[in-house]
C-alpha cells in the first residue's frame, strides 16, 4: 500500500500541467482558475481537470470567494516540496546522469511503441 501511495504522489508531479500549476501556486500564492489559465497559457478545461486531481490528492486547497474558486497550495505539501527542491538542487546532476534510470526510461518508451 505504501508503494502505491508513493507511486501516485510521484504521478501527480510527473504530469507537466500539474507540475506547472503547483510551481505557479508555490511561487504566486492564491489564484483563480482564470488567473492560472492566463499565466500558464493553457485552456480552462485542462486547468480545471488537473486542479481537480490536485485537490483530490491533497496538493491544493480551494476557497469560494463570490463567483470565483481560489486555489492555494496545501501547507504540508508545500513544505514537502520545499524539502524535495533542496534535494533536487543538491542531486540534480546525479539524477539526470543515472544510467539505470535512463535504461528504464528507454525500456518504457520501447514498450509503449510495441503496445
PDB file of N, CA and C in Angstrom:
ATOM      1  N   UNK A   1       0.827  -1.197   0.000  1.00  0.00           N
ATOM      2  CA  UNK A   1       0.000   0.000   0.000  1.00  0.00           C
ATOM      3  C   UNK A   1       0.869   1.258   0.000  1.00  0.00           C
ATOM      4  N   UNK A   2       1.945   1.265   0.753  1.00  0.00           N
ATOM      5  CA  UNK A   2       2.799   2.441   0.819  1.00  0.00           C
ATOM      6  C   UNK A   2       3.433   2.711  -0.550  1.00  0.00           C
ATOM      7  N   UNK A   3       3.842   1.644  -1.260  1.00  0.00           N
ATOM      8  CA  UNK A   3       4.424   1.820  -2.584  1.00  0.00           C
ATOM      9  C   UNK A   3       3.431   2.517  -3.509  1.00  0.00           C
ATOM     10  N   UNK A   4       2.185   2.077  -3.478  1.00  0.00           N
ATOM     11  CA  UNK A   4       1.161   2.674  -4.340  1.00  0.00           C
ATOM     12  C   UNK A   4       0.974   4.158  -4.023  1.00  0.00           C
ATOM     13  N   UNK A   5       1.017   4.511  -2.748  1.00  0.00           N
ATOM     14  CA  UNK A   5       0.877   5.917  -2.360  1.00  0.00           C
ATOM     15  C   UNK A   5       2.032   6.754  -2.901  1.00  0.00           C
ATOM     16  N   UNK A   6       3.258   6.243  -2.764  1.00  0.00           N
ATOM     17  CA  UNK A   6       4.430   6.959  -3.296  1.00  0.00           C
ATOM     18  C   UNK A   6       4.339   7.076  -4.816  1.00  0.00           C
ATOM     19  N   UNK A   7       3.910   6.003  -5.450  1.00  0.00           N
ATOM     20  CA  UNK A   7       3.778   5.990  -6.910  1.00  0.00           C
ATOM     21  C   UNK A   7       2.788   7.069  -7.364  1.00  0.00           C
ATOM     22  N   UNK A   8       1.661   7.169  -6.693  1.00  0.00           N
ATOM     23  CA  UNK A   8       0.649   8.167  -7.063  1.00  0.00           C
ATOM     24  C   UNK A   8       1.123   9.585  -6.735  1.00  0.00           C
ATOM     25  N   UNK A   9       1.826   9.745  -5.625  1.00  0.00           N
ATOM     26  CA  UNK A   9       2.379  11.057  -5.284  1.00  0.00           C
ATOM     27  C   UNK A   9       3.306  11.527  -6.410  1.00  0.00           C
ATOM     28  N   UNK A  10       4.186  10.635  -6.851  1.00  0.00           N
ATOM     29  CA  UNK A  10       5.113  10.978  -7.939  1.00  0.00           C
ATOM     30  C   UNK A  10       4.355  11.221  -9.244  1.00  0.00           C
ATOM     31  N   UNK A  11       3.283  10.468  -9.484  1.00  0.00           N
ATOM     32  CA  UNK A  11       2.488  10.641 -10.707  1.00  0.00           C
ATOM     33  C   UNK A  11       1.837  12.016 -10.778  1.00  0.00           C
ATOM     34  N   UNK A  12       1.447  12.530  -9.631  1.00  0.00           N
ATOM     35  CA  UNK A  12       0.842  13.865  -9.615  1.00  0.00           C
ATOM     36  C   UNK A  12       1.820  14.870 -10.209  1.00  0.00           C
ATOM     37  N   UNK A  13       3.072  14.801  -9.788  1.00  0.00           N
ATOM     38  CA  UNK A  13       4.070  15.777 -10.234  1.00  0.00           C
ATOM     39  C   UNK A  13       4.704  15.436 -11.574  1.00  0.00           C
ATOM     40  N   UNK A  14       4.552  14.199 -12.045  1.00  0.00           N
ATOM     41  CA  UNK A  14       5.164  13.833 -13.322  1.00  0.00           C
ATOM     42  C   UNK A  14       4.333  14.297 -14.518  1.00  0.00           C
ATOM     43  N   UNK A  15       3.137  14.784 -14.266  1.00  0.00           N
ATOM     44  CA  UNK A  15       2.312  15.380 -15.316  1.00  0.00           C
ATOM     45  C   UNK A  15       2.709  16.853 -15.469  1.00  0.00           C
ATOM     46  N   UNK A  16       3.060  17.266 -16.687  1.00  0.00           N
ATOM     47  CA  UNK A  16       3.593  18.620 -16.902  1.00  0.00           C
ATOM     48  C   UNK A  16       2.601  19.718 -16.501  1.00  0.00           C
ATOM     49  N   UNK A  17       1.333  19.551 -16.809  1.00  0.00           N
ATOM     50  CA  UNK A  17       0.352  20.580 -16.461  1.00  0.00           C
ATOM     51  C   UNK A  17       0.236  20.731 -14.956  1.00  0.00           C
ATOM     52  N   UNK A  18       0.134  19.612 -14.238  1.00  0.00           N
ATOM     53  CA  UNK A  18       0.031  19.685 -12.781  1.00  0.00           C
ATOM     54  C   UNK A  18       1.306  20.253 -12.178  1.00  0.00           C
ATOM     55  N   UNK A  19       2.455  19.858 -12.721  1.00  0.00           N
ATOM     56  CA  UNK A  19       3.725  20.408 -12.243  1.00  0.00           C
ATOM     57  C   UNK A  19       3.753  21.923 -12.424  1.00  0.00           C
ATOM     58  N   UNK A  20       3.296  22.403 -13.585  1.00  0.00           N
ATOM     59  CA  UNK A  20       3.263  23.843 -13.848  1.00  0.00           C
ATOM     60  C   UNK A  20       2.322  24.571 -12.894  1.00  0.00           C
ATOM     61  N   UNK A  21       1.165  23.982 -12.626  1.00  0.00           N
ATOM     62  CA  UNK A  21       0.204  24.596 -11.699  1.00  0.00           C
ATOM     63  C   UNK A  21       0.804  24.677 -10.298  1.00  0.00           C
ATOM     64  N   UNK A  22       1.373  23.578  -9.832  1.00  0.00           N
ATOM     65  CA  UNK A  22       1.979  23.539  -8.498  1.00  0.00           C
ATOM     66  C   UNK A  22       3.105  24.561  -8.394  1.00  0.00           C
ATOM     67  N   UNK A  23       3.955  24.617  -9.409  1.00  0.00           N
ATOM     68  CA  UNK A  23       5.068  25.571  -9.409  1.00  0.00           C
ATOM     69  C   UNK A  23       4.542  27.000  -9.339  1.00  0.00           C
ATOM     70  N   UNK A  24       3.518  27.304 -10.116  1.00  0.00           N
ATOM     71  CA  UNK A  24       2.938  28.647 -10.129  1.00  0.00           C
ATOM     72  C   UNK A  24       2.314  28.998  -8.778  1.00  0.00           C
ATOM     73  N   UNK A  25       1.528  28.098  -8.219  1.00  0.00           N
ATOM     74  CA  UNK A  25       0.880  28.377  -6.934  1.00  0.00           C
ATOM     75  C   UNK A  25       1.895  28.496  -5.802  1.00  0.00           C
ATOM     76  N   UNK A  26       2.961  27.710  -5.860  1.00  0.00           N
ATOM     77  CA  UNK A  26       4.008  27.831  -4.828  1.00  0.00           C
ATOM     78  C   UNK A  26       4.686  29.191  -4.913  1.00  0.00           C
ATOM     79  N   UNK A  27       4.852  29.686  -6.119  1.00  0.00           N
ATOM     80  CA  UNK A  27       5.546  30.955  -6.319  1.00  0.00           C
ATOM     81  C   UNK A  27       4.632  32.154  -6.077  1.00  0.00           C
ATOM     82  N   UNK A  28       3.388  32.068  -6.523  1.00  0.00           N
ATOM     83  CA  UNK A  28       2.489  33.230  -6.517  1.00  0.00           C
ATOM     84  C   UNK A  28       1.460  33.233  -5.393  1.00  0.00           C
ATOM     85  N   UNK A  29       1.199  32.101  -4.796  1.00  0.00           N
ATOM     86  CA  UNK A  29       0.185  32.049  -3.737  1.00  0.00           C
ATOM     87  C   UNK A  29      -1.181  31.703  -4.295  1.00  0.00           C
ATOM     88  N   UNK A  30      -2.187  32.412  -3.866  1.00  0.00           N
ATOM     89  CA  UNK A  30      -3.572  32.115  -4.240  1.00  0.00           C
ATOM     90  C   UNK A  30      -3.906  32.638  -5.627  1.00  0.00           C
ATOM     91  N   UNK A  31      -4.683  31.827  -6.380  1.00  0.00           N
ATOM     92  CA  UNK A  31      -5.073  32.230  -7.725  1.00  0.00           C
ATOM     93  C   UNK A  31      -6.386  31.557  -8.114  1.00  0.00           C
ATOM     94  N   UNK A  32      -7.136  32.222  -8.977  1.00  0.00           N
ATOM     95  CA  UNK A  32      -8.349  31.637  -9.542  1.00  0.00           C
ATOM     96  C   UNK A  32      -7.981  30.817 -10.780  1.00  0.00           C
ATOM     97  N   UNK A  33      -8.922  30.035 -11.265  1.00  0.00           N
ATOM     98  CA  UNK A  33      -8.696  29.233 -12.466  1.00  0.00           C
ATOM     99  C   UNK A  33      -8.337  30.141 -13.642  1.00  0.00           C
ATOM    100  N   UNK A  34      -9.063  31.236 -13.802  1.00  0.00           N
ATOM    101  CA  UNK A  34      -8.786  32.126 -14.940  1.00  0.00           C
ATOM    102  C   UNK A  34      -7.391  32.747 -14.838  1.00  0.00           C
ATOM    103  N   UNK A  35      -6.954  33.070 -13.632  1.00  0.00           N
ATOM    104  CA  UNK A  35      -5.604  33.614 -13.458  1.00  0.00           C
ATOM    105  C   UNK A  35      -4.548  32.564 -13.805  1.00  0.00           C
ATOM    106  N   UNK A  36      -4.783  31.332 -13.386  1.00  0.00           N
ATOM    107  CA  UNK A  36      -3.850  30.251 -13.697  1.00  0.00           C
ATOM    108  C   UNK A  36      -3.803  30.030 -15.208  1.00  0.00           C
ATOM    109  N   UNK A  37      -4.959  29.997 -15.847  1.00  0.00           N
ATOM    110  CA  UNK A  37      -5.025  29.822 -17.312  1.00  0.00           C
ATOM    111  C   UNK A  37      -4.242  30.923 -18.017  1.00  0.00           C
ATOM    112  N   UNK A  38      -4.465  32.145 -17.596  1.00  0.00           N
ATOM    113  CA  UNK A  38      -3.797  33.288 -18.218  1.00  0.00           C
ATOM    114  C   UNK A  38      -2.279  33.179 -18.070  1.00  0.00           C
ATOM    115  N   UNK A  39      -1.837  32.853 -16.879  1.00  0.00           N
ATOM    116  CA  UNK A  39      -0.388  32.793 -16.605  1.00  0.00           C
ATOM    117  C   UNK A  39       0.295  31.635 -17.317  1.00  0.00           C
ATOM    118  N   UNK A  40      -0.386  30.485 -17.405  1.00  0.00           N
ATOM    119  CA  UNK A  40       0.238  29.303 -17.998  1.00  0.00           C
ATOM    120  C   UNK A  40      -0.058  29.148 -19.487  1.00  0.00           C
ATOM    121  N   UNK A  41      -1.101  29.808 -19.957  1.00  0.00           N
ATOM    122  CA  UNK A  41      -1.440  29.710 -21.378  1.00  0.00           C
ATOM    123  C   UNK A  41      -2.145  28.418 -21.757  1.00  0.00           C
ATOM    124  N   UNK A  42      -2.742  27.741 -20.788  1.00  0.00           N
ATOM    125  CA  UNK A  42      -3.478  26.509 -21.048  1.00  0.00           C
ATOM    126  C   UNK A  42      -4.976  26.808 -21.070  1.00  0.00           C
ATOM    127  N   UNK A  43      -5.729  25.936 -21.737  1.00  0.00           N
ATOM    128  CA  UNK A  43      -7.186  26.079 -21.786  1.00  0.00           C
ATOM    129  C   UNK A  43      -7.790  25.820 -20.408  1.00  0.00           C
ATOM    130  N   UNK A  44      -8.940  26.447 -20.170  1.00  0.00           N
ATOM    131  CA  UNK A  44      -9.616  26.339 -18.879  1.00  0.00           C
ATOM    132  C   UNK A  44      -9.960  24.895 -18.540  1.00  0.00           C
ATOM    133  N   UNK A  45     -10.407  24.113 -19.510  1.00  0.00           N
ATOM    134  CA  UNK A  45     -10.781  22.718 -19.230  1.00  0.00           C
ATOM    135  C   UNK A  45      -9.572  21.908 -18.771  1.00  0.00           C
ATOM    136  N   UNK A  46      -8.418  22.179 -19.364  1.00  0.00           N
ATOM    137  CA  UNK A  46      -7.182  21.482 -18.985  1.00  0.00           C
ATOM    138  C   UNK A  46      -6.775  21.838 -17.554  1.00  0.00           C
ATOM    139  N   UNK A  47      -6.853  23.117 -17.225  1.00  0.00           N
ATOM    140  CA  UNK A  47      -6.505  23.573 -15.874  1.00  0.00           C
ATOM    141  C   UNK A  47      -7.488  23.002 -14.853  1.00  0.00           C
ATOM    142  N   UNK A  48      -8.773  23.097 -15.145  1.00  0.00           N
ATOM    143  CA  UNK A  48      -9.794  22.612 -14.206  1.00  0.00           C
ATOM    144  C   UNK A  48      -9.649  21.115 -13.945  1.00  0.00           C
ATOM    145  N   UNK A  49      -9.421  20.341 -15.001  1.00  0.00           N
ATOM    146  CA  UNK A  49      -9.249  18.898 -14.856  1.00  0.00           C
ATOM    147  C   UNK A  49      -8.072  18.581 -13.935  1.00  0.00           C
ATOM    148  N   UNK A  50      -6.964  19.259 -14.147  1.00  0.00           N
ATOM    149  CA  UNK A  50      -5.762  18.986 -13.347  1.00  0.00           C
ATOM    150  C   UNK A  50      -5.866  19.553 -11.933  1.00  0.00           C
ATOM    151  N   UNK A  51      -6.566  20.663 -11.760  1.00  0.00           N
ATOM    152  CA  UNK A  51      -6.817  21.180 -10.412  1.00  0.00           C
ATOM    153  C   UNK A  51      -7.669  20.198  -9.611  1.00  0.00           C
ATOM    154  N   UNK A  52      -8.612  19.552 -10.283  1.00  0.00           N
ATOM    155  CA  UNK A  52      -9.448  18.558  -9.594  1.00  0.00           C
ATOM    156  C   UNK A  52      -8.577  17.425  -9.067  1.00  0.00           C
ATOM    157  N   UNK A  53      -7.631  16.966  -9.877  1.00  0.00           N
ATOM    158  CA  UNK A  53      -6.708  15.922  -9.435  1.00  0.00           C
ATOM    159  C   UNK A  53      -5.879  16.423  -8.249  1.00  0.00           C
ATOM    160  N   UNK A  54      -5.323  17.630  -8.369  1.00  0.00           N
ATOM    161  CA  UNK A  54      -4.512  18.198  -7.291  1.00  0.00           C
ATOM    162  C   UNK A  54      -5.318  18.345  -6.002  1.00  0.00           C
ATOM    163  N   UNK A  55      -6.573  18.725  -6.137  1.00  0.00           N
ATOM    164  CA  UNK A  55      -7.452  18.868  -4.972  1.00  0.00           C
ATOM    165  C   UNK A  55      -7.758  17.494  -4.363  1.00  0.00           C
ATOM    166  N   UNK A  56      -8.109  16.529  -5.208  1.00  0.00           N
ATOM    167  CA  UNK A  56      -8.415  15.175  -4.728  1.00  0.00           C
ATOM    168  C   UNK A  56      -7.227  14.542  -4.023  1.00  0.00           C
ATOM    169  N   UNK A  57      -6.023  14.856  -4.480  1.00  0.00           N
ATOM    170  CA  UNK A  57      -4.803  14.258  -3.910  1.00  0.00           C
ATOM    171  C   UNK A  57      -4.232  15.069  -2.751  1.00  0.00           C
ATOM    172  N   UNK A  58      -4.873  16.187  -2.404  1.00  0.00           N
ATOM    173  CA  UNK A  58      -4.457  16.970  -1.250  1.00  0.00           C
ATOM    174  C   UNK A  58      -3.311  17.934  -1.503  1.00  0.00           C
ATOM    175  N   UNK A  59      -2.984  18.169  -2.769  1.00  0.00           N
ATOM    176  CA  UNK A  59      -1.902  19.101  -3.082  1.00  0.00           C
ATOM    177  C   UNK A  59      -2.349  20.554  -2.970  1.00  0.00           C
ATOM    178  N   UNK A  60      -3.609  20.810  -3.290  1.00  0.00           N
ATOM    179  CA  UNK A  60      -4.131  22.174  -3.220  1.00  0.00           C
ATOM    180  C   UNK A  60      -5.385  22.203  -2.363  1.00  0.00           C
ATOM    181  N   UNK A  61      -5.721  23.412  -1.937  1.00  0.00           N
ATOM    182  CA  UNK A  61      -6.962  23.679  -1.212  1.00  0.00           C
ATOM    183  C   UNK A  61      -7.719  24.727  -2.017  1.00  0.00           C
ATOM    184  N   UNK A  62      -9.022  24.786  -1.834  1.00  0.00           N
ATOM    185  CA  UNK A  62      -9.829  25.738  -2.583  1.00  0.00           C
ATOM    186  C   UNK A  62     -10.780  26.460  -1.636  1.00  0.00           C
ATOM    187  N   UNK A  63     -11.037  27.707  -1.959  1.00  0.00           N
ATOM    188  CA  UNK A  63     -11.962  28.531  -1.187  1.00  0.00           C
ATOM    189  C   UNK A  63     -12.856  29.278  -2.169  1.00  0.00           C
ATOM    190  N   UNK A  64     -14.157  29.276  -1.889  1.00  0.00           N
ATOM    191  CA  UNK A  64     -15.103  30.005  -2.733  1.00  0.00           C
ATOM    192  C   UNK A  64     -15.133  31.464  -2.294  1.00  0.00           C
ATOM    193  N   UNK A  65     -14.863  32.376  -3.227  1.00  0.00           N
ATOM    194  CA  UNK A  65     -14.934  33.820  -2.967  1.00  0.00           C
ATOM    195  C   UNK A  65     -15.818  34.439  -4.034  1.00  0.00           C
ATOM    196  N   UNK A  66     -17.067  34.671  -3.641  1.00  0.00           N
ATOM    197  CA  UNK A  66     -18.027  35.180  -4.624  1.00  0.00           C
ATOM    198  C   UNK A  66     -18.218  34.138  -5.708  1.00  0.00           C
ATOM    199  N   UNK A  67     -18.003  34.539  -6.968  1.00  0.00           N
ATOM    200  CA  UNK A  67     -18.151  33.615  -8.088  1.00  0.00           C
ATOM    201  C   UNK A  67     -16.873  32.823  -8.372  1.00  0.00           C
ATOM    202  N   UNK A  68     -15.797  33.196  -7.725  1.00  0.00           N
ATOM    203  CA  UNK A  68     -14.501  32.567  -8.002  1.00  0.00           C
ATOM    204  C   UNK A  68     -14.134  31.511  -6.986  1.00  0.00           C
ATOM    205  N   UNK A  69     -13.480  30.462  -7.486  1.00  0.00           N
ATOM    206  CA  UNK A  69     -12.851  29.460  -6.626  1.00  0.00           C
ATOM    207  C   UNK A  69     -11.367  29.805  -6.615  1.00  0.00           C
ATOM    208  N   UNK A  70     -10.831  30.034  -5.421  1.00  0.00           N
ATOM    209  CA  UNK A  70      -9.435  30.440  -5.277  1.00  0.00           C
ATOM    210  C   UNK A  70      -8.626  29.242  -4.764  1.00  0.00           C
ATOM    211  N   UNK A  71      -7.581  28.921  -5.491  1.00  0.00           N
ATOM    212  CA  UNK A  71      -6.738  27.777  -5.170  1.00  0.00           C
ATOM    213  C   UNK A  71      -5.429  28.235  -4.536  1.00  0.00           C
ATOM    214  N   UNK A  72      -4.945  27.421  -3.622  1.00  0.00           N
ATOM    215  CA  UNK A  72      -3.645  27.661  -2.992  1.00  0.00           C
ATOM    216  C   UNK A  72      -3.049  26.297  -2.651  1.00  0.00           C
ATOM    217  N   UNK A  73      -1.746  26.282  -2.473  1.00  0.00           N
ATOM    218  CA  UNK A  73      -1.058  25.054  -2.116  1.00  0.00           C
ATOM    219  C   UNK A  73      -1.415  24.635  -0.695  1.00  0.00           C
ATOM    220  N   UNK A  74      -1.510  23.345  -0.492  1.00  0.00           N
ATOM    221  CA  UNK A  74      -1.633  22.796   0.853  1.00  0.00           C
ATOM    222  C   UNK A  74      -0.332  23.104   1.588  1.00  0.00           C
ATOM    223  N   UNK A  75      -0.434  23.540   2.813  1.00  0.00           N
ATOM    224  CA  UNK A  75       0.759  23.909   3.577  1.00  0.00           C
ATOM    225  C   UNK A  75       1.709  22.723   3.757  1.00  0.00           C
ATOM    226  N   UNK A  76       1.177  21.548   4.062  1.00  0.00           N
ATOM    227  CA  UNK A  76       2.045  20.391   4.287  1.00  0.00           C
ATOM    228  C   UNK A  76       2.732  19.960   2.994  1.00  0.00           C
ATOM    229  N   UNK A  77       2.003  19.975   1.879  1.00  0.00           N
ATOM    230  CA  UNK A  77       2.609  19.596   0.598  1.00  0.00           C
ATOM    231  C   UNK A  77       3.648  20.634   0.194  1.00  0.00           C
ATOM    232  N   UNK A  78       3.363  21.879   0.456  1.00  0.00           N
ATOM    233  CA  UNK A  78       4.325  22.930   0.139  1.00  0.00           C
ATOM    234  C   UNK A  78       5.639  22.707   0.897  1.00  0.00           C
ATOM    235  N   UNK A  79       5.552  22.312   2.164  1.00  0.00           N
ATOM    236  CA  UNK A  79       6.758  22.018   2.949  1.00  0.00           C
ATOM    237  C   UNK A  79       7.506  20.816   2.372  1.00  0.00           C
ATOM    238  N   UNK A  80       6.775  19.794   1.994  1.00  0.00           N
ATOM    239  CA  UNK A  80       7.391  18.605   1.392  1.00  0.00           C
ATOM    240  C   UNK A  80       8.125  18.989   0.113  1.00  0.00           C
ATOM    241  N   UNK A  81       7.480  19.804  -0.718  1.00  0.00           N
ATOM    242  CA  UNK A  81       8.087  20.211  -1.982  1.00  0.00           C
ATOM    243  C   UNK A  81       9.300  21.112  -1.767  1.00  0.00           C
ATOM    244  N   UNK A  82       9.270  21.914  -0.711  1.00  0.00           N
ATOM    245  CA  UNK A  82      10.457  22.717  -0.371  1.00  0.00           C
ATOM    246  C   UNK A  82      11.648  21.801  -0.080  1.00  0.00           C
ATOM    247  N   UNK A  83      11.397  20.748   0.710  1.00  0.00           N
ATOM    248  CA  UNK A  83      12.465  19.798   1.027  1.00  0.00           C
ATOM    249  C   UNK A  83      12.922  19.045  -0.220  1.00  0.00           C
ATOM    250  N   UNK A  84      11.983  18.641  -1.055  1.00  0.00           N
ATOM    251  CA  UNK A  84      12.344  17.950  -2.294  1.00  0.00           C
ATOM    252  C   UNK A  84      13.143  18.861  -3.226  1.00  0.00           C
ATOM    253  N   UNK A  85      12.794  20.128  -3.254  1.00  0.00           N
ATOM    254  CA  UNK A  85      13.528  21.080  -4.089  1.00  0.00           C
ATOM    255  C   UNK A  85      14.973  21.219  -3.599  1.00  0.00           C
ATOM    256  N   UNK A  86      15.162  21.228  -2.278  1.00  0.00           N
ATOM    257  CA  UNK A  86      16.523  21.249  -1.729  1.00  0.00           C
ATOM    258  C   UNK A  86      17.291  20.015  -2.180  1.00  0.00           C
ATOM    259  N   UNK A  87      16.637  18.863  -2.127  1.00  0.00           N
ATOM    260  CA  UNK A  87      17.253  17.613  -2.583  1.00  0.00           C
ATOM    261  C   UNK A  87      17.609  17.700  -4.067  1.00  0.00           C
ATOM    262  N   UNK A  88      16.666  18.170  -4.887  1.00  0.00           N
ATOM    263  CA  UNK A  88      16.900  18.274  -6.333  1.00  0.00           C
ATOM    264  C   UNK A  88      18.076  19.194  -6.636  1.00  0.00           C
ATOM    265  N   UNK A  89      18.185  20.272  -5.907  1.00  0.00           N
ATOM    266  CA  UNK A  89      19.286  21.207  -6.119  1.00  0.00           C
ATOM    267  C   UNK A  89      20.621  20.520  -5.878  1.00  0.00           C
ATOM    268  N   UNK A  90      20.665  19.695  -4.831  1.00  0.00           N
ATOM    269  CA  UNK A  90      21.913  19.020  -4.484  1.00  0.00           C
ATOM    270  C   UNK A  90      22.223  17.828  -5.388  1.00  0.00           C
ATOM    271  N   UNK A  91      21.194  17.090  -5.807  1.00  0.00           N
ATOM    272  CA  UNK A  91      21.416  15.831  -6.521  1.00  0.00           C
ATOM    273  C   UNK A  91      20.961  15.846  -7.986  1.00  0.00           C
ATOM    274  N   UNK A  92      20.639  17.010  -8.523  1.00  0.00           N
ATOM    275  CA  UNK A  92      20.114  17.115  -9.884  1.00  0.00           C
ATOM    276  C   UNK A  92      21.018  16.438 -10.913  1.00  0.00           C
ATOM    277  N   UNK A  93      22.297  16.698 -10.891  1.00  0.00           N
ATOM    278  CA  UNK A  93      23.223  16.115 -11.869  1.00  0.00           C
ATOM    279  C   UNK A  93      23.248  14.593 -11.760  1.00  0.00           C
ATOM    280  N   UNK A  94      23.221  14.080 -10.545  1.00  0.00           N
ATOM    281  CA  UNK A  94      23.236  12.632 -10.351  1.00  0.00           C
ATOM    282  C   UNK A  94      21.936  11.997 -10.856  1.00  0.00           C
ATOM    283  N   UNK A  95      20.819  12.649 -10.607  1.00  0.00           N
ATOM    284  CA  UNK A  95      19.541  12.118 -11.078  1.00  0.00           C
ATOM    285  C   UNK A  95      19.508  12.064 -12.605  1.00  0.00           C
ATOM    286  N   UNK A  96      19.949  13.144 -13.239  1.00  0.00           N
ATOM    287  CA  UNK A  96      19.906  13.235 -14.700  1.00  0.00           C
ATOM    288  C   UNK A  96      20.881  12.255 -15.346  1.00  0.00           C
ATOM    289  N   UNK A  97      22.010  12.021 -14.712  1.00  0.00           N
ATOM    290  CA  UNK A  97      23.029  11.165 -15.319  1.00  0.00           C
ATOM    291  C   UNK A  97      22.940   9.700 -14.897  1.00  0.00           C
ATOM    292  N   UNK A  98      21.967   9.336 -14.093  1.00  0.00           N
ATOM    293  CA  UNK A  98      21.835   7.955 -13.624  1.00  0.00           C
ATOM    294  C   UNK A  98      21.550   7.020 -14.801  1.00  0.00           C
ATOM    295  N   UNK A  99      22.508   6.169 -15.114  1.00  0.00           N
ATOM    296  CA  UNK A  99      22.364   5.240 -16.235  1.00  0.00           C
ATOM    297  C   UNK A  99      21.214   4.268 -16.071  1.00  0.00           C
ATOM    298  N   UNK A 100      20.969   3.823 -14.861  1.00  0.00           N
ATOM    299  CA  UNK A 100      19.884   2.874 -14.611  1.00  0.00           C
ATOM    300  C   UNK A 100      18.538   3.513 -14.948  1.00  0.00           C
ATOM    301  N   UNK A 101      18.324   4.758 -14.503  1.00  0.00           N
ATOM    302  CA  UNK A 101      17.071   5.444 -14.814  1.00  0.00           C
ATOM    303  C   UNK A 101      16.931   5.673 -16.314  1.00  0.00           C
ATOM    304  N   UNK A 102      18.040   5.996 -16.977  1.00  0.00           N
ATOM    305  CA  UNK A 102      17.996   6.184 -18.434  1.00  0.00           C
ATOM    306  C   UNK A 102      17.594   4.896 -19.134  1.00  0.00           C
ATOM    307  N   UNK A 103      18.159   3.775 -18.701  1.00  0.00           N
ATOM    308  CA  UNK A 103      17.814   2.481 -19.290  1.00  0.00           C
ATOM    309  C   UNK A 103      16.335   2.163 -19.076  1.00  0.00           C
ATOM    310  N   UNK A 104      15.835   2.425 -17.882  1.00  0.00           N
ATOM    311  CA  UNK A 104      14.424   2.172 -17.593  1.00  0.00           C
ATOM    312  C   UNK A 104      13.532   3.045 -18.457  1.00  0.00           C
ATOM    313  N   UNK A 105      13.924   4.303 -18.658  1.00  0.00           N
ATOM    314  CA  UNK A 105      13.153   5.227 -19.482  1.00  0.00           C
ATOM    315  C   UNK A 105      13.115   4.740 -20.926  1.00  0.00           C
ATOM    316  N   UNK A 106      14.253   4.325 -21.459  1.00  0.00           N
ATOM    317  CA  UNK A 106      14.318   3.800 -22.832  1.00  0.00           C
ATOM    318  C   UNK A 106      13.463   2.544 -22.942  1.00  0.00           C
ATOM    319  N   UNK A 107      13.538   1.681 -21.940  1.00  0.00           N
ATOM    320  CA  UNK A 107      12.730   0.461 -21.933  1.00  0.00           C
ATOM    321  C   UNK A 107      11.244   0.758 -21.946  1.00  0.00           C
ATOM    322  N   UNK A 108      10.817   1.756 -21.182  1.00  0.00           N
ATOM    323  CA  UNK A 108       9.406   2.138 -21.148  1.00  0.00           C
ATOM    324  C   UNK A 108       8.958   2.692 -22.498  1.00  0.00           C
ATOM    325  N   UNK A 109       9.798   3.519 -23.115  1.00  0.00           N
ATOM    326  CA  UNK A 109       9.456   4.080 -24.424  1.00  0.00           C
ATOM    327  C   UNK A 109       9.363   2.984 -25.479  1.00  0.00           C
ATOM    328  N   UNK A 110      10.261   2.015 -25.424  1.00  0.00           N
ATOM    329  CA  UNK A 110      10.231   0.892 -26.362  1.00  0.00           C
ATOM    330  C   UNK A 110       8.969   0.065 -26.156  1.00  0.00           C
ATOM    331  N   UNK A 111       8.639  -0.194 -24.908  1.00  0.00           N
ATOM    332  CA  UNK A 111       7.435  -0.954 -24.588  1.00  0.00           C
ATOM    333  C   UNK A 111       6.191  -0.232 -25.078  1.00  0.00           C
ATOM    334  N   UNK A 112       6.131   1.090 -24.923  1.00  0.00           N
ATOM    335  CA  UNK A 112       4.973   1.858 -25.368  1.00  0.00           C
ATOM    336  C   UNK A 112       4.812   1.775 -26.889  1.00  0.00           C
ATOM    337  N   UNK A 113       5.913   1.754 -27.625  1.00  0.00           N
ATOM    338  CA  UNK A 113       5.845   1.645 -29.086  1.00  0.00           C
ATOM    339  C   UNK A 113       5.324   0.286 -29.511  1.00  0.00           C
ATOM    340  N   UNK A 114       5.683  -0.757 -28.771  1.00  0.00           N
ATOM    341  CA  UNK A 114       5.253  -2.122 -29.091  1.00  0.00           C
ATOM    342  C   UNK A 114       3.763  -2.279 -28.850  1.00  0.00           C
ATOM    343  N   UNK A 115       3.284  -1.710 -27.757  1.00  0.00           N
ATOM    344  CA  UNK A 115       1.878  -1.835 -27.379  1.00  0.00           C
ATOM    345  C   UNK A 115       1.082  -0.950 -28.279  1.00  0.00           C
TER     346      UNK A 115
END
